[in-house]
Amino acid sequence: MIEVLPRDEAEKKYGDEMYDLFPVPPEVKELTIVIIPDWNINACNKQHTKSTGEVGEIIEDYWRYRNAKQLLEIAFNIK
C-alpha cells in the first residue's frame, strides 16, 4: 500500500516508525509512505511503482541479518 501525505500529517499518523537509516531531508514537505502490512512502514521522497511488474525482474544479490544492529539487510538489482 502506498500513501502520499504532507510531511506533518505523515509524522502525526506514523511518528518515527516511518523513518529508517536513510533520513528524508527536512526541506521535503510531501512524503510517499510505503506500507507492507505486518512488516514495514517507510517514508520516502522518491518515486515508486504500483507493483514490481512495472520494473521487471528483481534479482536478490544477498541478504544478511546484522545482529548487533537488529537489522535485516537485503541487496538486490533490477534486470
PDB file of N, CA and C in Angstrom:
ATOM      1  N   MET A   1       0.838  -1.170   0.000  1.00  0.00           N
ATOM      2  CA  MET A   1       0.000   0.000   0.000  1.00  0.00           C
ATOM      3  C   MET A   1       0.890   1.242   0.000  1.00  0.00           C
ATOM      4  N   ILE A   2       0.486   2.256  -0.730  1.00  0.00           N
ATOM      5  CA  ILE A   2       1.251   3.498  -0.810  1.00  0.00           C
ATOM      6  C   ILE A   2       0.330   4.674  -0.491  1.00  0.00           C
ATOM      7  N   GLU A   3       0.809   5.567   0.361  1.00  0.00           N
ATOM      8  CA  GLU A   3       0.092   6.801   0.681  1.00  0.00           C
ATOM      9  C   GLU A   3       1.016   7.971   0.384  1.00  0.00           C
ATOM     10  N   VAL A   4       0.487   9.029  -0.171  1.00  0.00           N
ATOM     11  CA  VAL A   4       1.236  10.271  -0.347  1.00  0.00           C
ATOM     12  C   VAL A   4       0.589  11.292   0.580  1.00  0.00           C
ATOM     13  N   LEU A   5       1.397  11.789   1.531  1.00  0.00           N
ATOM     14  CA  LEU A   5       0.868  12.681   2.568  1.00  0.00           C
ATOM     15  C   LEU A   5       1.780  13.878   2.780  1.00  0.00           C
ATOM     16  N   PRO A   6       1.221  15.010   3.209  1.00  0.00           N
ATOM     17  CA  PRO A   6       2.079  16.097   3.672  1.00  0.00           C
ATOM     18  C   PRO A   6       2.919  15.579   4.851  1.00  0.00           C
ATOM     19  N   ARG A   7       4.136  16.023   4.937  1.00  0.00           N
ATOM     20  CA  ARG A   7       5.053  15.513   5.958  1.00  0.00           C
ATOM     21  C   ARG A   7       4.481  15.616   7.371  1.00  0.00           C
ATOM     22  N   ASP A   8       3.893  16.760   7.715  1.00  0.00           N
ATOM     23  CA  ASP A   8       3.379  16.918   9.078  1.00  0.00           C
ATOM     24  C   ASP A   8       2.253  15.927   9.370  1.00  0.00           C
ATOM     25  N   GLU A   9       1.400  15.675   8.389  1.00  0.00           N
ATOM     26  CA  GLU A   9       0.317  14.703   8.570  1.00  0.00           C
ATOM     27  C   GLU A   9       0.874  13.281   8.707  1.00  0.00           C
ATOM     28  N   ALA A  10       1.878  12.947   7.885  1.00  0.00           N
ATOM     29  CA  ALA A  10       2.504  11.621   7.960  1.00  0.00           C
ATOM     30  C   ALA A  10       3.167  11.407   9.316  1.00  0.00           C
ATOM     31  N   GLU A  11       3.841  12.436   9.834  1.00  0.00           N
ATOM     32  CA  GLU A  11       4.502  12.315  11.132  1.00  0.00           C
ATOM     33  C   GLU A  11       3.491  12.154  12.259  1.00  0.00           C
ATOM     34  N   LYS A  12       2.343  12.817  12.157  1.00  0.00           N
ATOM     35  CA  LYS A  12       1.293  12.636  13.168  1.00  0.00           C
ATOM     36  C   LYS A  12       0.738  11.215  13.125  1.00  0.00           C
ATOM     37  N   LYS A  13       0.564  10.690  11.926  1.00  0.00           N
ATOM     38  CA  LYS A  13      -0.046   9.370  11.750  1.00  0.00           C
ATOM     39  C   LYS A  13       0.912   8.228  12.088  1.00  0.00           C
ATOM     40  N   TYR A  14       2.192   8.326  11.650  1.00  0.00           N
ATOM     41  CA  TYR A  14       3.126   7.207  11.788  1.00  0.00           C
ATOM     42  C   TYR A  14       4.290   7.460  12.746  1.00  0.00           C
ATOM     43  N   GLY A  15       4.545   8.704  13.115  1.00  0.00           N
ATOM     44  CA  GLY A  15       5.641   9.007  14.027  1.00  0.00           C
ATOM     45  C   GLY A  15       6.994   8.614  13.454  1.00  0.00           C
ATOM     46  N   ASP A  16       7.945   8.333  14.337  1.00  0.00           N
ATOM     47  CA  ASP A  16       9.302   7.967  13.920  1.00  0.00           C
ATOM     48  C   ASP A  16       9.375   6.596  13.274  1.00  0.00           C
ATOM     49  N   GLU A  17       8.330   5.798  13.424  1.00  0.00           N
ATOM     50  CA  GLU A  17       8.322   4.444  12.861  1.00  0.00           C
ATOM     51  C   GLU A  17       8.532   4.455  11.344  1.00  0.00           C
ATOM     52  N   MET A  18       8.177   5.537  10.676  1.00  0.00           N
ATOM     53  CA  MET A  18       8.261   5.579   9.213  1.00  0.00           C
ATOM     54  C   MET A  18       9.655   5.948   8.703  1.00  0.00           C
ATOM     55  N   TYR A  19      10.534   6.390   9.576  1.00  0.00           N
ATOM     56  CA  TYR A  19      11.887   6.756   9.158  1.00  0.00           C
ATOM     57  C   TYR A  19      12.842   5.595   9.390  1.00  0.00           C
ATOM     58  N   ASP A  20      13.821   5.462   8.490  1.00  0.00           N
ATOM     59  CA  ASP A  20      14.786   4.377   8.630  1.00  0.00           C
ATOM     60  C   ASP A  20      16.205   4.927   8.620  1.00  0.00           C
ATOM     61  N   LEU A  21      17.143   4.146   8.101  1.00  0.00           N
ATOM     62  CA  LEU A  21      18.551   4.538   8.102  1.00  0.00           C
ATOM     63  C   LEU A  21      18.879   5.650   7.111  1.00  0.00           C
ATOM     64  N   PHE A  22      17.973   5.910   6.173  1.00  0.00           N
ATOM     65  CA  PHE A  22      18.219   6.916   5.156  1.00  0.00           C
ATOM     66  C   PHE A  22      17.251   8.074   5.382  1.00  0.00           C
ATOM     67  N   PRO A  23      17.660   9.069   6.145  1.00  0.00           N
ATOM     68  CA  PRO A  23      16.739  10.142   6.514  1.00  0.00           C
ATOM     69  C   PRO A  23      16.253  10.942   5.302  1.00  0.00           C
ATOM     70  N   VAL A  24      15.049  11.436   5.414  1.00  0.00           N
ATOM     71  CA  VAL A  24      14.464  12.300   4.394  1.00  0.00           C
ATOM     72  C   VAL A  24      14.854  13.731   4.751  1.00  0.00           C
ATOM     73  N   PRO A  25      15.420  14.482   3.805  1.00  0.00           N
ATOM     74  CA  PRO A  25      15.838  15.852   4.111  1.00  0.00           C
ATOM     75  C   PRO A  25      14.680  16.691   4.661  1.00  0.00           C
ATOM     76  N   PRO A  26      14.956  17.576   5.609  1.00  0.00           N
ATOM     77  CA  PRO A  26      13.903  18.367   6.251  1.00  0.00           C
ATOM     78  C   PRO A  26      13.130  19.274   5.294  1.00  0.00           C
ATOM     79  N   GLU A  27      13.732  19.654   4.175  1.00  0.00           N
ATOM     80  CA  GLU A  27      13.023  20.528   3.234  1.00  0.00           C
ATOM     81  C   GLU A  27      11.946  19.803   2.418  1.00  0.00           C
ATOM     82  N   VAL A  28      11.925  18.471   2.479  1.00  0.00           N
ATOM     83  CA  VAL A  28      10.899  17.696   1.775  1.00  0.00           C
ATOM     84  C   VAL A  28       9.600  17.789   2.566  1.00  0.00           C
ATOM     85  N   LYS A  29       8.565  18.309   1.942  1.00  0.00           N
ATOM     86  CA  LYS A  29       7.291  18.558   2.631  1.00  0.00           C
ATOM     87  C   LYS A  29       6.201  17.551   2.290  1.00  0.00           C
ATOM     88  N   GLU A  30       6.419  16.709   1.278  1.00  0.00           N
ATOM     89  CA  GLU A  30       5.451  15.672   0.921  1.00  0.00           C
ATOM     90  C   GLU A  30       6.179  14.335   0.884  1.00  0.00           C
ATOM     91  N   LEU A  31       5.619  13.331   1.542  1.00  0.00           N
ATOM     92  CA  LEU A  31       6.263  12.024   1.637  1.00  0.00           C
ATOM     93  C   LEU A  31       5.409  10.943   1.003  1.00  0.00           C
ATOM     94  N   THR A  32       6.085   9.998   0.400  1.00  0.00           N
ATOM     95  CA  THR A  32       5.434   8.778  -0.044  1.00  0.00           C
ATOM     96  C   THR A  32       5.666   7.763   1.059  1.00  0.00           C
ATOM     97  N   ILE A  33       4.598   7.220   1.605  1.00  0.00           N
ATOM     98  CA  ILE A  33       4.693   6.234   2.675  1.00  0.00           C
ATOM     99  C   ILE A  33       4.395   4.873   2.058  1.00  0.00           C
ATOM    100  N   VAL A  34       5.373   3.985   2.110  1.00  0.00           N
ATOM    101  CA  VAL A  34       5.218   2.634   1.579  1.00  0.00           C
ATOM    102  C   VAL A  34       4.946   1.717   2.764  1.00  0.00           C
ATOM    103  N   ILE A  35       3.825   1.012   2.712  1.00  0.00           N
ATOM    104  CA  ILE A  35       3.408   0.160   3.825  1.00  0.00           C
ATOM    105  C   ILE A  35       3.327  -1.285   3.357  1.00  0.00           C
ATOM    106  N   ILE A  36       4.079  -2.146   4.014  1.00  0.00           N
ATOM    107  CA  ILE A  36       3.965  -3.587   3.813  1.00  0.00           C
ATOM    108  C   ILE A  36       3.322  -4.096   5.095  1.00  0.00           C
ATOM    109  N   PRO A  37       2.022  -4.433   5.047  1.00  0.00           N
ATOM    110  CA  PRO A  37       1.289  -4.799   6.266  1.00  0.00           C
ATOM    111  C   PRO A  37       2.001  -5.865   7.102  1.00  0.00           C
ATOM    112  N   ASP A  38       1.971  -5.661   8.404  1.00  0.00           N
ATOM    113  CA  ASP A  38       2.568  -6.569   9.387  1.00  0.00           C
ATOM    114  C   ASP A  38       4.082  -6.691   9.254  1.00  0.00           C
ATOM    115  N   TRP A  39       4.736  -5.741   8.539  1.00  0.00           N
ATOM    116  CA  TRP A  39       6.187  -5.856   8.415  1.00  0.00           C
ATOM    117  C   TRP A  39       6.896  -4.507   8.449  1.00  0.00           C
ATOM    118  N   ASN A  40       6.503  -3.544   7.594  1.00  0.00           N
ATOM    119  CA  ASN A  40       7.311  -2.343   7.465  1.00  0.00           C
ATOM    120  C   ASN A  40       6.477  -1.138   7.033  1.00  0.00           C
ATOM    121  N   ILE A  41       6.850   0.018   7.558  1.00  0.00           N
ATOM    122  CA  ILE A  41       6.325   1.310   7.106  1.00  0.00           C
ATOM    123  C   ILE A  41       7.545   2.175   6.829  1.00  0.00           C
ATOM    124  N   ASN A  42       7.616   2.762   5.636  1.00  0.00           N
ATOM    125  CA  ASN A  42       8.805   3.510   5.277  1.00  0.00           C
ATOM    126  C   ASN A  42       8.452   4.793   4.537  1.00  0.00           C
ATOM    127  N   ALA A  43       9.035   5.895   4.984  1.00  0.00           N
ATOM    128  CA  ALA A  43       8.842   7.190   4.321  1.00  0.00           C
ATOM    129  C   ALA A  43       9.923   7.386   3.275  1.00  0.00           C
ATOM    130  N   CYS A  44       9.517   7.933   2.151  1.00  0.00           N
ATOM    131  CA  CYS A  44      10.471   8.145   1.070  1.00  0.00           C
ATOM    132  C   CYS A  44      10.050   9.378   0.285  1.00  0.00           C
ATOM    133  N   ASN A  45      11.022  10.040  -0.309  1.00  0.00           N
ATOM    134  CA  ASN A  45      10.692  11.169  -1.169  1.00  0.00           C
ATOM    135  C   ASN A  45      11.015  10.859  -2.624  1.00  0.00           C
ATOM    136  N   LYS A  46      11.157   9.591  -2.941  1.00  0.00           N
ATOM    137  CA  LYS A  46      11.441   9.145  -4.305  1.00  0.00           C
ATOM    138  C   LYS A  46      10.173   8.606  -4.950  1.00  0.00           C
ATOM    139  N   GLN A  47      10.240   8.386  -6.255  1.00  0.00           N
ATOM    140  CA  GLN A  47       9.103   7.854  -6.992  1.00  0.00           C
ATOM    141  C   GLN A  47       9.023   6.338  -6.802  1.00  0.00           C
ATOM    142  N   HIS A  48       7.802   5.814  -6.736  1.00  0.00           N
ATOM    143  CA  HIS A  48       7.578   4.381  -6.571  1.00  0.00           C
ATOM    144  C   HIS A  48       6.644   3.877  -7.655  1.00  0.00           C
ATOM    145  N   THR A  49       6.773   2.596  -7.963  1.00  0.00           N
ATOM    146  CA  THR A  49       5.857   1.968  -8.911  1.00  0.00           C
ATOM    147  C   THR A  49       4.675   1.388  -8.147  1.00  0.00           C
ATOM    148  N   LYS A  50       3.593   1.104  -8.853  1.00  0.00           N
ATOM    149  CA  LYS A  50       2.431   0.492  -8.212  1.00  0.00           C
ATOM    150  C   LYS A  50       2.676  -0.979  -7.912  1.00  0.00           C
ATOM    151  N   SER A  51       3.527  -1.625  -8.712  1.00  0.00           N
ATOM    152  CA  SER A  51       3.836  -3.041  -8.483  1.00  0.00           C
ATOM    153  C   SER A  51       5.218  -3.345  -9.042  1.00  0.00           C
ATOM    154  N   THR A  52       5.791  -4.454  -8.607  1.00  0.00           N
ATOM    155  CA  THR A  52       7.109  -4.857  -9.110  1.00  0.00           C
ATOM    156  C   THR A  52       7.049  -5.225 -10.585  1.00  0.00           C
ATOM    157  N   GLY A  53       5.870  -5.577 -11.090  1.00  0.00           N
ATOM    158  CA  GLY A  53       5.721  -5.905 -12.500  1.00  0.00           C
ATOM    159  C   GLY A  53       6.080  -4.751 -13.425  1.00  0.00           C
ATOM    160  N   GLU A  54       6.046  -3.541 -12.923  1.00  0.00           N
ATOM    161  CA  GLU A  54       6.388  -2.368 -13.724  1.00  0.00           C
ATOM    162  C   GLU A  54       7.890  -2.197 -13.917  1.00  0.00           C
ATOM    163  N   VAL A  55       8.703  -2.864 -13.115  1.00  0.00           N
ATOM    164  CA  VAL A  55      10.150  -2.665 -13.203  1.00  0.00           C
ATOM    165  C   VAL A  55      10.897  -3.858 -13.766  1.00  0.00           C
ATOM    166  N   GLY A  56      10.267  -4.987 -13.877  1.00  0.00           N
ATOM    167  CA  GLY A  56      10.943  -6.162 -14.398  1.00  0.00           C
ATOM    168  C   GLY A  56      11.391  -7.091 -13.288  1.00  0.00           C
ATOM    169  N   GLU A  57      12.308  -7.954 -13.638  1.00  0.00           N
ATOM    170  CA  GLU A  57      12.760  -8.996 -12.711  1.00  0.00           C
ATOM    171  C   GLU A  57      13.662  -8.411 -11.618  1.00  0.00           C
ATOM    172  N   ILE A  58      13.397  -8.797 -10.390  1.00  0.00           N
ATOM    173  CA  ILE A  58      14.211  -8.375  -9.252  1.00  0.00           C
ATOM    174  C   ILE A  58      15.101  -9.547  -8.869  1.00  0.00           C
ATOM    175  N   ILE A  59      16.400  -9.304  -8.848  1.00  0.00           N
ATOM    176  CA  ILE A  59      17.364 -10.361  -8.546  1.00  0.00           C
ATOM    177  C   ILE A  59      18.027 -10.051  -7.211  1.00  0.00           C
ATOM    178  N   GLU A  60      17.847 -10.958  -6.263  1.00  0.00           N
ATOM    179  CA  GLU A  60      18.457 -10.781  -4.941  1.00  0.00           C
ATOM    180  C   GLU A  60      19.948 -11.062  -5.036  1.00  0.00           C
ATOM    181  N   ASP A  61      20.758 -10.110  -4.590  1.00  0.00           N
ATOM    182  CA  ASP A  61      22.205 -10.303  -4.550  1.00  0.00           C
ATOM    183  C   ASP A  61      22.594 -11.064  -3.288  1.00  0.00           C
ATOM    184  N   TYR A  62      22.113 -10.577  -2.160  1.00  0.00           N
ATOM    185  CA  TYR A  62      22.389 -11.254  -0.888  1.00  0.00           C
ATOM    186  C   TYR A  62      21.462 -10.703   0.181  1.00  0.00           C
ATOM    187  N   TRP A  63      21.420 -11.398   1.285  1.00  0.00           N
ATOM    188  CA  TRP A  63      20.737 -10.881   2.462  1.00  0.00           C
ATOM    189  C   TRP A  63      21.579 -11.264   3.667  1.00  0.00           C
ATOM    190  N   ARG A  64      21.466 -10.475   4.708  1.00  0.00           N
ATOM    191  CA  ARG A  64      22.158 -10.791   5.957  1.00  0.00           C
ATOM    192  C   ARG A  64      21.413 -10.130   7.105  1.00  0.00           C
ATOM    193  N   TYR A  65      21.528 -10.764   8.240  1.00  0.00           N
ATOM    194  CA  TYR A  65      20.944 -10.196   9.446  1.00  0.00           C
ATOM    195  C   TYR A  65      22.086  -9.673  10.291  1.00  0.00           C
ATOM    196  N   ARG A  66      22.057  -8.392  10.594  1.00  0.00           N
ATOM    197  CA  ARG A  66      23.107  -7.763  11.390  1.00  0.00           C
ATOM    198  C   ARG A  66      22.625  -7.726  12.837  1.00  0.00           C
ATOM    199  N   ASN A  67      23.014  -8.737  13.581  1.00  0.00           N
ATOM    200  CA  ASN A  67      22.536  -8.924  14.944  1.00  0.00           C
ATOM    201  C   ASN A  67      22.851  -7.727  15.838  1.00  0.00           C
ATOM    202  N   ALA A  68      24.038  -7.166  15.699  1.00  0.00           N
ATOM    203  CA  ALA A  68      24.433  -6.038  16.549  1.00  0.00           C
ATOM    204  C   ALA A  68      23.492  -4.844  16.372  1.00  0.00           C
ATOM    205  N   LYS A  69      22.960  -4.677  15.164  1.00  0.00           N
ATOM    206  CA  LYS A  69      22.057  -3.554  14.885  1.00  0.00           C
ATOM    207  C   LYS A  69      20.600  -3.985  14.821  1.00  0.00           C
ATOM    208  N   GLN A  70      20.344  -5.303  14.999  1.00  0.00           N
ATOM    209  CA  GLN A  70      18.974  -5.828  14.896  1.00  0.00           C
ATOM    210  C   GLN A  70      18.362  -5.400  13.561  1.00  0.00           C
ATOM    211  N   LEU A  71      19.098  -5.692  12.465  1.00  0.00           N
ATOM    212  CA  LEU A  71      18.735  -5.179  11.151  1.00  0.00           C
ATOM    213  C   LEU A  71      18.847  -6.263  10.090  1.00  0.00           C
ATOM    214  N   LEU A  72      17.799  -6.433   9.300  1.00  0.00           N
ATOM    215  CA  LEU A  72      17.828  -7.316   8.143  1.00  0.00           C
ATOM    216  C   LEU A  72      18.174  -6.465   6.931  1.00  0.00           C
ATOM    217  N   GLU A  73      19.231  -6.840   6.235  1.00  0.00           N
ATOM    218  CA  GLU A  73      19.682  -6.098   5.060  1.00  0.00           C
ATOM    219  C   GLU A  73      19.498  -6.985   3.831  1.00  0.00           C
ATOM    220  N   ILE A  74      18.822  -6.462   2.819  1.00  0.00           N
ATOM    221  CA  ILE A  74      18.597  -7.197   1.581  1.00  0.00           C
ATOM    222  C   ILE A  74      19.119  -6.339   0.437  1.00  0.00           C
ATOM    223  N   ALA A  75      20.040  -6.892  -0.358  1.00  0.00           N
ATOM    224  CA  ALA A  75      20.575  -6.176  -1.517  1.00  0.00           C
ATOM    225  C   ALA A  75      20.034  -6.837  -2.777  1.00  0.00           C
ATOM    226  N   PHE A  76      19.637  -6.011  -3.748  1.00  0.00           N
ATOM    227  CA  PHE A  76      19.072  -6.560  -4.976  1.00  0.00           C
ATOM    228  C   PHE A  76      19.352  -5.639  -6.156  1.00  0.00           C
ATOM    229  N   ASN A  77      19.174  -6.192  -7.344  1.00  0.00           N
ATOM    230  CA  ASN A  77      19.274  -5.440  -8.590  1.00  0.00           C
ATOM    231  C   ASN A  77      18.018  -5.675  -9.400  1.00  0.00           C
ATOM    232  N   ILE A  78      17.736  -4.780 -10.311  1.00  0.00           N
ATOM    233  CA  ILE A  78      16.579  -4.910 -11.188  1.00  0.00           C
ATOM    234  C   ILE A  78      17.089  -5.149 -12.598  1.00  0.00           C
ATOM    235  N   LYS A  79      16.611  -6.223 -13.207  1.00  0.00           N
ATOM    236  CA  LYS A  79      17.060  -6.618 -14.539  1.00  0.00           C
ATOM    237  C   LYS A  79      16.350  -5.815 -15.600  1.00  0.00           C
TER     238      LYS A  79
END
